[in-house]
């Protein structure tokens, strides 16, 4: 159970499950989750600072993207169906796709930069953690 909790915690940190400016400055990004990573990967103070900055920057980006998605969803909800034509559908679809792509880019860039901060031994440990998480996701809950 402890391993599963850590995996969920790590996934949440790196996938942006909870993204808000308050969380970026609170325990969700700079506190407990980074503490867990620090312990499991034996991160130096310098690495912790770099990772904290990465997570805070990701949180800021994600808030902007989330706000754009909320606006796009609101536009979709409020669209006048009597006047909606192919061009309107294409425009709304492009905007939703652009925002989704922006989020994917921000997430993967953050993960890539996080991985680059790790030394060889830490990368091995992190790869094991990721492998275990993927395996756990495949295994049905008991």
C-alpha atoms as a PDB file:
ATOM      1  CA  UNK A   1       0.000   0.000   0.000  1.00  0.00           C
ATOM      2  CA  UNK A   2       2.880   2.370   0.818  1.00  0.00           C
ATOM      3  CA  UNK A   3       4.401   1.779  -2.638  1.00  0.00           C
ATOM      4  CA  UNK A   4       1.031   2.392  -4.300  1.00  0.00           C
ATOM      5  CA  UNK A   5       0.576   5.656  -2.347  1.00  0.00           C
ATOM      6  CA  UNK A   6       3.994   6.863  -3.426  1.00  0.00           C
ATOM      7  CA  UNK A   7       3.258   6.012  -7.050  1.00  0.00           C
ATOM      8  CA  UNK A   8      -0.025   7.897  -6.923  1.00  0.00           C
ATOM      9  CA  UNK A   9       1.727  10.841  -5.298  1.00  0.00           C
ATOM     10  CA  UNK A  10       4.464  10.884  -7.919  1.00  0.00           C
ATOM     11  CA  UNK A  11       1.927  10.607 -10.715  1.00  0.00           C
ATOM     12  CA  UNK A  12      -0.039  13.512  -9.312  1.00  0.00           C
ATOM     13  CA  UNK A  13       3.072  15.671  -9.022  1.00  0.00           C
ATOM     14  CA  UNK A  14       4.203  14.997 -12.555  1.00  0.00           C
ATOM     15  CA  UNK A  15       0.833  14.897 -14.262  1.00  0.00           C
ATOM     16  CA  UNK A  16      -0.621  18.029 -12.761  1.00  0.00           C
ATOM     17  CA  UNK A  17      -3.711  16.482 -11.224  1.00  0.00           C
ATOM     18  CA  UNK A  18      -4.138  19.383  -8.837  1.00  0.00           C
ATOM     19  CA  UNK A  19      -3.027  22.580 -10.510  1.00  0.00           C
ATOM     20  CA  UNK A  20      -3.521  25.953  -8.883  1.00  0.00           C
ATOM     21  CA  UNK A  21      -1.266  28.821  -7.896  1.00  0.00           C
ATOM     22  CA  UNK A  22      -2.048  28.163  -4.233  1.00  0.00           C
ATOM     23  CA  UNK A  23      -0.942  24.542  -4.502  1.00  0.00           C
ATOM     24  CA  UNK A  24       2.231  25.539  -6.306  1.00  0.00           C
ATOM     25  CA  UNK A  25       3.253  27.569  -3.278  1.00  0.00           C
ATOM     26  CA  UNK A  26       1.873  25.097  -0.755  1.00  0.00           C
ATOM     27  CA  UNK A  27       2.644  21.504   0.162  1.00  0.00           C
ATOM     28  CA  UNK A  28       1.223  19.962  -3.014  1.00  0.00           C
ATOM     29  CA  UNK A  29       4.152  21.035  -5.174  1.00  0.00           C
ATOM     30  CA  UNK A  30       6.913  22.302  -2.930  1.00  0.00           C
ATOM     31  CA  UNK A  31       6.266  20.351   0.235  1.00  0.00           C
ATOM     32  CA  UNK A  32       5.274  16.763   0.879  1.00  0.00           C
ATOM     33  CA  UNK A  33       5.434  15.532  -2.685  1.00  0.00           C
ATOM     34  CA  UNK A  34       8.888  16.912  -3.261  1.00  0.00           C
ATOM     35  CA  UNK A  35       9.856  15.506   0.140  1.00  0.00           C
ATOM     36  CA  UNK A  36       8.807  12.043  -1.015  1.00  0.00           C
ATOM     37  CA  UNK A  37      10.794  12.391  -4.223  1.00  0.00           C
ATOM     38  CA  UNK A  38      13.736  13.709  -2.265  1.00  0.00           C
ATOM     39  CA  UNK A  39      13.677  10.714   0.050  1.00  0.00           C
ATOM     40  CA  UNK A  40      13.114   8.035  -2.602  1.00  0.00           C
ATOM     41  CA  UNK A  41      15.688   9.436  -5.031  1.00  0.00           C
ATOM     42  CA  UNK A  42      18.093  10.952  -2.498  1.00  0.00           C
ATOM     43  CA  UNK A  43      17.881  14.372  -4.144  1.00  0.00           C
ATOM     44  CA  UNK A  44      20.392  17.047  -3.207  1.00  0.00           C
ATOM     45  CA  UNK A  45      19.255  20.473  -2.025  1.00  0.00           C
ATOM     46  CA  UNK A  46      20.196  21.884  -5.433  1.00  0.00           C
ATOM     47  CA  UNK A  47      18.138  19.274  -7.247  1.00  0.00           C
ATOM     48  CA  UNK A  48      15.186  19.921  -4.940  1.00  0.00           C
ATOM     49  CA  UNK A  49      15.349  23.606  -5.784  1.00  0.00           C
ATOM     50  CA  UNK A  50      15.511  22.913  -9.513  1.00  0.00           C
ATOM     51  CA  UNK A  51      12.567  20.516  -9.317  1.00  0.00           C
ATOM     52  CA  UNK A  52      10.552  22.911  -7.166  1.00  0.00           C
ATOM     53  CA  UNK A  53      11.081  25.589  -9.822  1.00  0.00           C
ATOM     54  CA  UNK A  54      10.067  23.170 -12.595  1.00  0.00           C
ATOM     55  CA  UNK A  55       6.867  22.255 -10.775  1.00  0.00           C
ATOM     56  CA  UNK A  56       6.002  25.865 -10.009  1.00  0.00           C
ATOM     57  CA  UNK A  57       6.558  26.872 -13.642  1.00  0.00           C
ATOM     58  CA  UNK A  58       4.422  23.938 -14.804  1.00  0.00           C
ATOM     59  CA  UNK A  59       1.675  24.930 -12.364  1.00  0.00           C
ATOM     60  CA  UNK A  60       1.671  28.490 -13.741  1.00  0.00           C
ATOM     61  CA  UNK A  61       1.498  27.229 -17.325  1.00  0.00           C
ATOM     62  CA  UNK A  62      -1.197  24.727 -16.478  1.00  0.00           C
ATOM     63  CA  UNK A  63      -3.379  27.396 -14.850  1.00  0.00           C
ATOM     64  CA  UNK A  64      -3.303  29.454 -18.042  1.00  0.00           C
ATOM     65  CA  UNK A  65      -4.110  26.384 -20.131  1.00  0.00           C
ATOM     66  CA  UNK A  66      -6.886  25.329 -17.740  1.00  0.00           C
ATOM     67  CA  UNK A  67      -8.417  28.806 -17.919  1.00  0.00           C
ATOM     68  CA  UNK A  68      -8.341  28.567 -21.717  1.00  0.00           C
ATOM     69  CA  UNK A  69     -10.013  25.150 -21.596  1.00  0.00           C
ATOM     70  CA  UNK A  70     -12.726  26.478 -19.286  1.00  0.00           C
ATOM     71  CA  UNK A  71     -13.365  29.340 -21.720  1.00  0.00           C
ATOM     72  CA  UNK A  72     -13.425  26.945 -24.687  1.00  0.00           C
ATOM     73  CA  UNK A  73     -15.847  24.618 -22.893  1.00  0.00           C
ATOM     74  CA  UNK A  74     -18.066  27.572 -22.043  1.00  0.00           C
ATOM     75  CA  UNK A  75     -18.069  28.613 -25.716  1.00  0.00           C
ATOM     76  CA  UNK A  76     -19.068  25.095 -26.696  1.00  0.00           C
ATOM     77  CA  UNK A  77     -21.888  25.026 -24.117  1.00  0.00           C
ATOM     78  CA  UNK A  78     -23.211  28.405 -25.217  1.00  0.00           C
ATOM     79  CA  UNK A  79     -22.932  27.914 -28.977  1.00  0.00           C
ATOM     80  CA  UNK A  80     -26.089  28.744 -30.879  1.00  0.00           C
ATOM     81  CA  UNK A  81     -26.846  25.394 -32.497  1.00  0.00           C
ATOM     82  CA  UNK A  82     -29.172  27.015 -35.021  1.00  0.00           C
ATOM     83  CA  UNK A  83     -26.222  29.021 -36.368  1.00  0.00           C
ATOM     84  CA  UNK A  84     -23.451  26.473 -35.884  1.00  0.00           C
ATOM     85  CA  UNK A  85     -21.870  25.588 -39.198  1.00  0.00           C
ATOM     86  CA  UNK A  86     -18.855  23.506 -40.245  1.00  0.00           C
ATOM     87  CA  UNK A  87     -16.531  26.499 -39.882  1.00  0.00           C
ATOM     88  CA  UNK A  88     -17.728  27.054 -36.301  1.00  0.00           C
ATOM     89  CA  UNK A  89     -17.257  23.397 -35.441  1.00  0.00           C
ATOM     90  CA  UNK A  90     -13.762  23.483 -36.951  1.00  0.00           C
ATOM     91  CA  UNK A  91     -12.863  26.686 -35.053  1.00  0.00           C
ATOM     92  CA  UNK A  92     -14.027  25.321 -31.690  1.00  0.00           C
ATOM     93  CA  UNK A  93     -12.322  21.992 -32.340  1.00  0.00           C
ATOM     94  CA  UNK A  94      -9.039  23.678 -33.266  1.00  0.00           C
ATOM     95  CA  UNK A  95      -9.076  25.728 -30.082  1.00  0.00           C
ATOM     96  CA  UNK A  96      -9.766  22.682 -27.891  1.00  0.00           C
ATOM     97  CA  UNK A  97      -7.025  20.767 -29.711  1.00  0.00           C
ATOM     98  CA  UNK A  98      -4.545  23.620 -29.376  1.00  0.00           C
ATOM     99  CA  UNK A  99      -5.125  23.788 -25.642  1.00  0.00           C
ATOM    100  CA  UNK A 100      -4.856  20.024 -25.234  1.00  0.00           C
ATOM    101  CA  UNK A 101      -1.588  20.040 -27.179  1.00  0.00           C
ATOM    102  CA  UNK A 102      -0.278  22.920 -25.046  1.00  0.00           C
ATOM    103  CA  UNK A 103      -1.009  20.955 -21.885  1.00  0.00           C
ATOM    104  CA  UNK A 104       0.653  17.810 -23.237  1.00  0.00           C
ATOM    105  CA  UNK A 105       3.722  19.839 -24.224  1.00  0.00           C
ATOM    106  CA  UNK A 106       3.950  21.534 -20.826  1.00  0.00           C
ATOM    107  CA  UNK A 107       3.591  18.212 -19.023  1.00  0.00           C
ATOM    108  CA  UNK A 108       6.151  16.354 -21.135  1.00  0.00           C
ATOM    109  CA  UNK A 109       8.619  19.252 -21.041  1.00  0.00           C
ATOM    110  CA  UNK A 110       8.370  19.291 -17.250  1.00  0.00           C
ATOM    111  CA  UNK A 111       8.883  15.542 -17.036  1.00  0.00           C
ATOM    112  CA  UNK A 112      11.819  15.680 -19.461  1.00  0.00           C
ATOM    113  CA  UNK A 113      13.482  18.506 -17.520  1.00  0.00           C
ATOM    114  CA  UNK A 114      12.848  16.681 -14.228  1.00  0.00           C
ATOM    115  CA  UNK A 115      14.562  13.572 -15.594  1.00  0.00           C
ATOM    116  CA  UNK A 116      17.502  15.663 -16.827  1.00  0.00           C
ATOM    117  CA  UNK A 117      18.100  16.917 -13.261  1.00  0.00           C
ATOM    118  CA  UNK A 118      18.680  13.357 -12.015  1.00  0.00           C
ATOM    119  CA  UNK A 119      22.073  11.662 -11.959  1.00  0.00           C
ATOM    120  CA  UNK A 120      22.620   8.172 -13.398  1.00  0.00           C
ATOM    121  CA  UNK A 121      21.765   6.332 -10.160  1.00  0.00           C
ATOM    122  CA  UNK A 122      18.663   8.458  -9.567  1.00  0.00           C
ATOM    123  CA  UNK A 123      17.501   7.848 -13.130  1.00  0.00           C
ATOM    124  CA  UNK A 124      17.761   4.092 -12.541  1.00  0.00           C
ATOM    125  CA  UNK A 125      15.737   4.416  -9.337  1.00  0.00           C
ATOM    126  CA  UNK A 126      13.161   6.633 -11.023  1.00  0.00           C
ATOM    127  CA  UNK A 127      12.880   4.253 -13.990  1.00  0.00           C
ATOM    128  CA  UNK A 128      12.174   1.454 -11.494  1.00  0.00           C
ATOM    129  CA  UNK A 129       9.525   3.565  -9.771  1.00  0.00           C
ATOM    130  CA  UNK A 130       7.869   4.291 -13.130  1.00  0.00           C
ATOM    131  CA  UNK A 131       8.069   0.638 -14.148  1.00  0.00           C
ATOM    132  CA  UNK A 132       6.486  -0.415 -10.852  1.00  0.00           C
ATOM    133  CA  UNK A 133       3.748   2.191 -11.301  1.00  0.00           C
ATOM    134  CA  UNK A 134       2.946   0.918 -14.792  1.00  0.00           C
ATOM    135  CA  UNK A 135       2.855  -2.649 -13.516  1.00  0.00           C
ATOM    136  CA  UNK A 136       0.630  -1.672 -10.595  1.00  0.00           C
ATOM    137  CA  UNK A 137      -1.747   0.074 -12.995  1.00  0.00           C
ATOM    138  CA  UNK A 138      -2.076  -3.159 -14.976  1.00  0.00           C
ATOM    139  CA  UNK A 139      -2.740  -5.277 -11.893  1.00  0.00           C
ATOM    140  CA  UNK A 140      -6.411  -5.369 -10.829  1.00  0.00           C
ATOM    141  CA  UNK A 141      -7.128  -4.110  -7.313  1.00  0.00           C
ATOM    142  CA  UNK A 142      -7.825  -6.798  -4.732  1.00  0.00           C
END
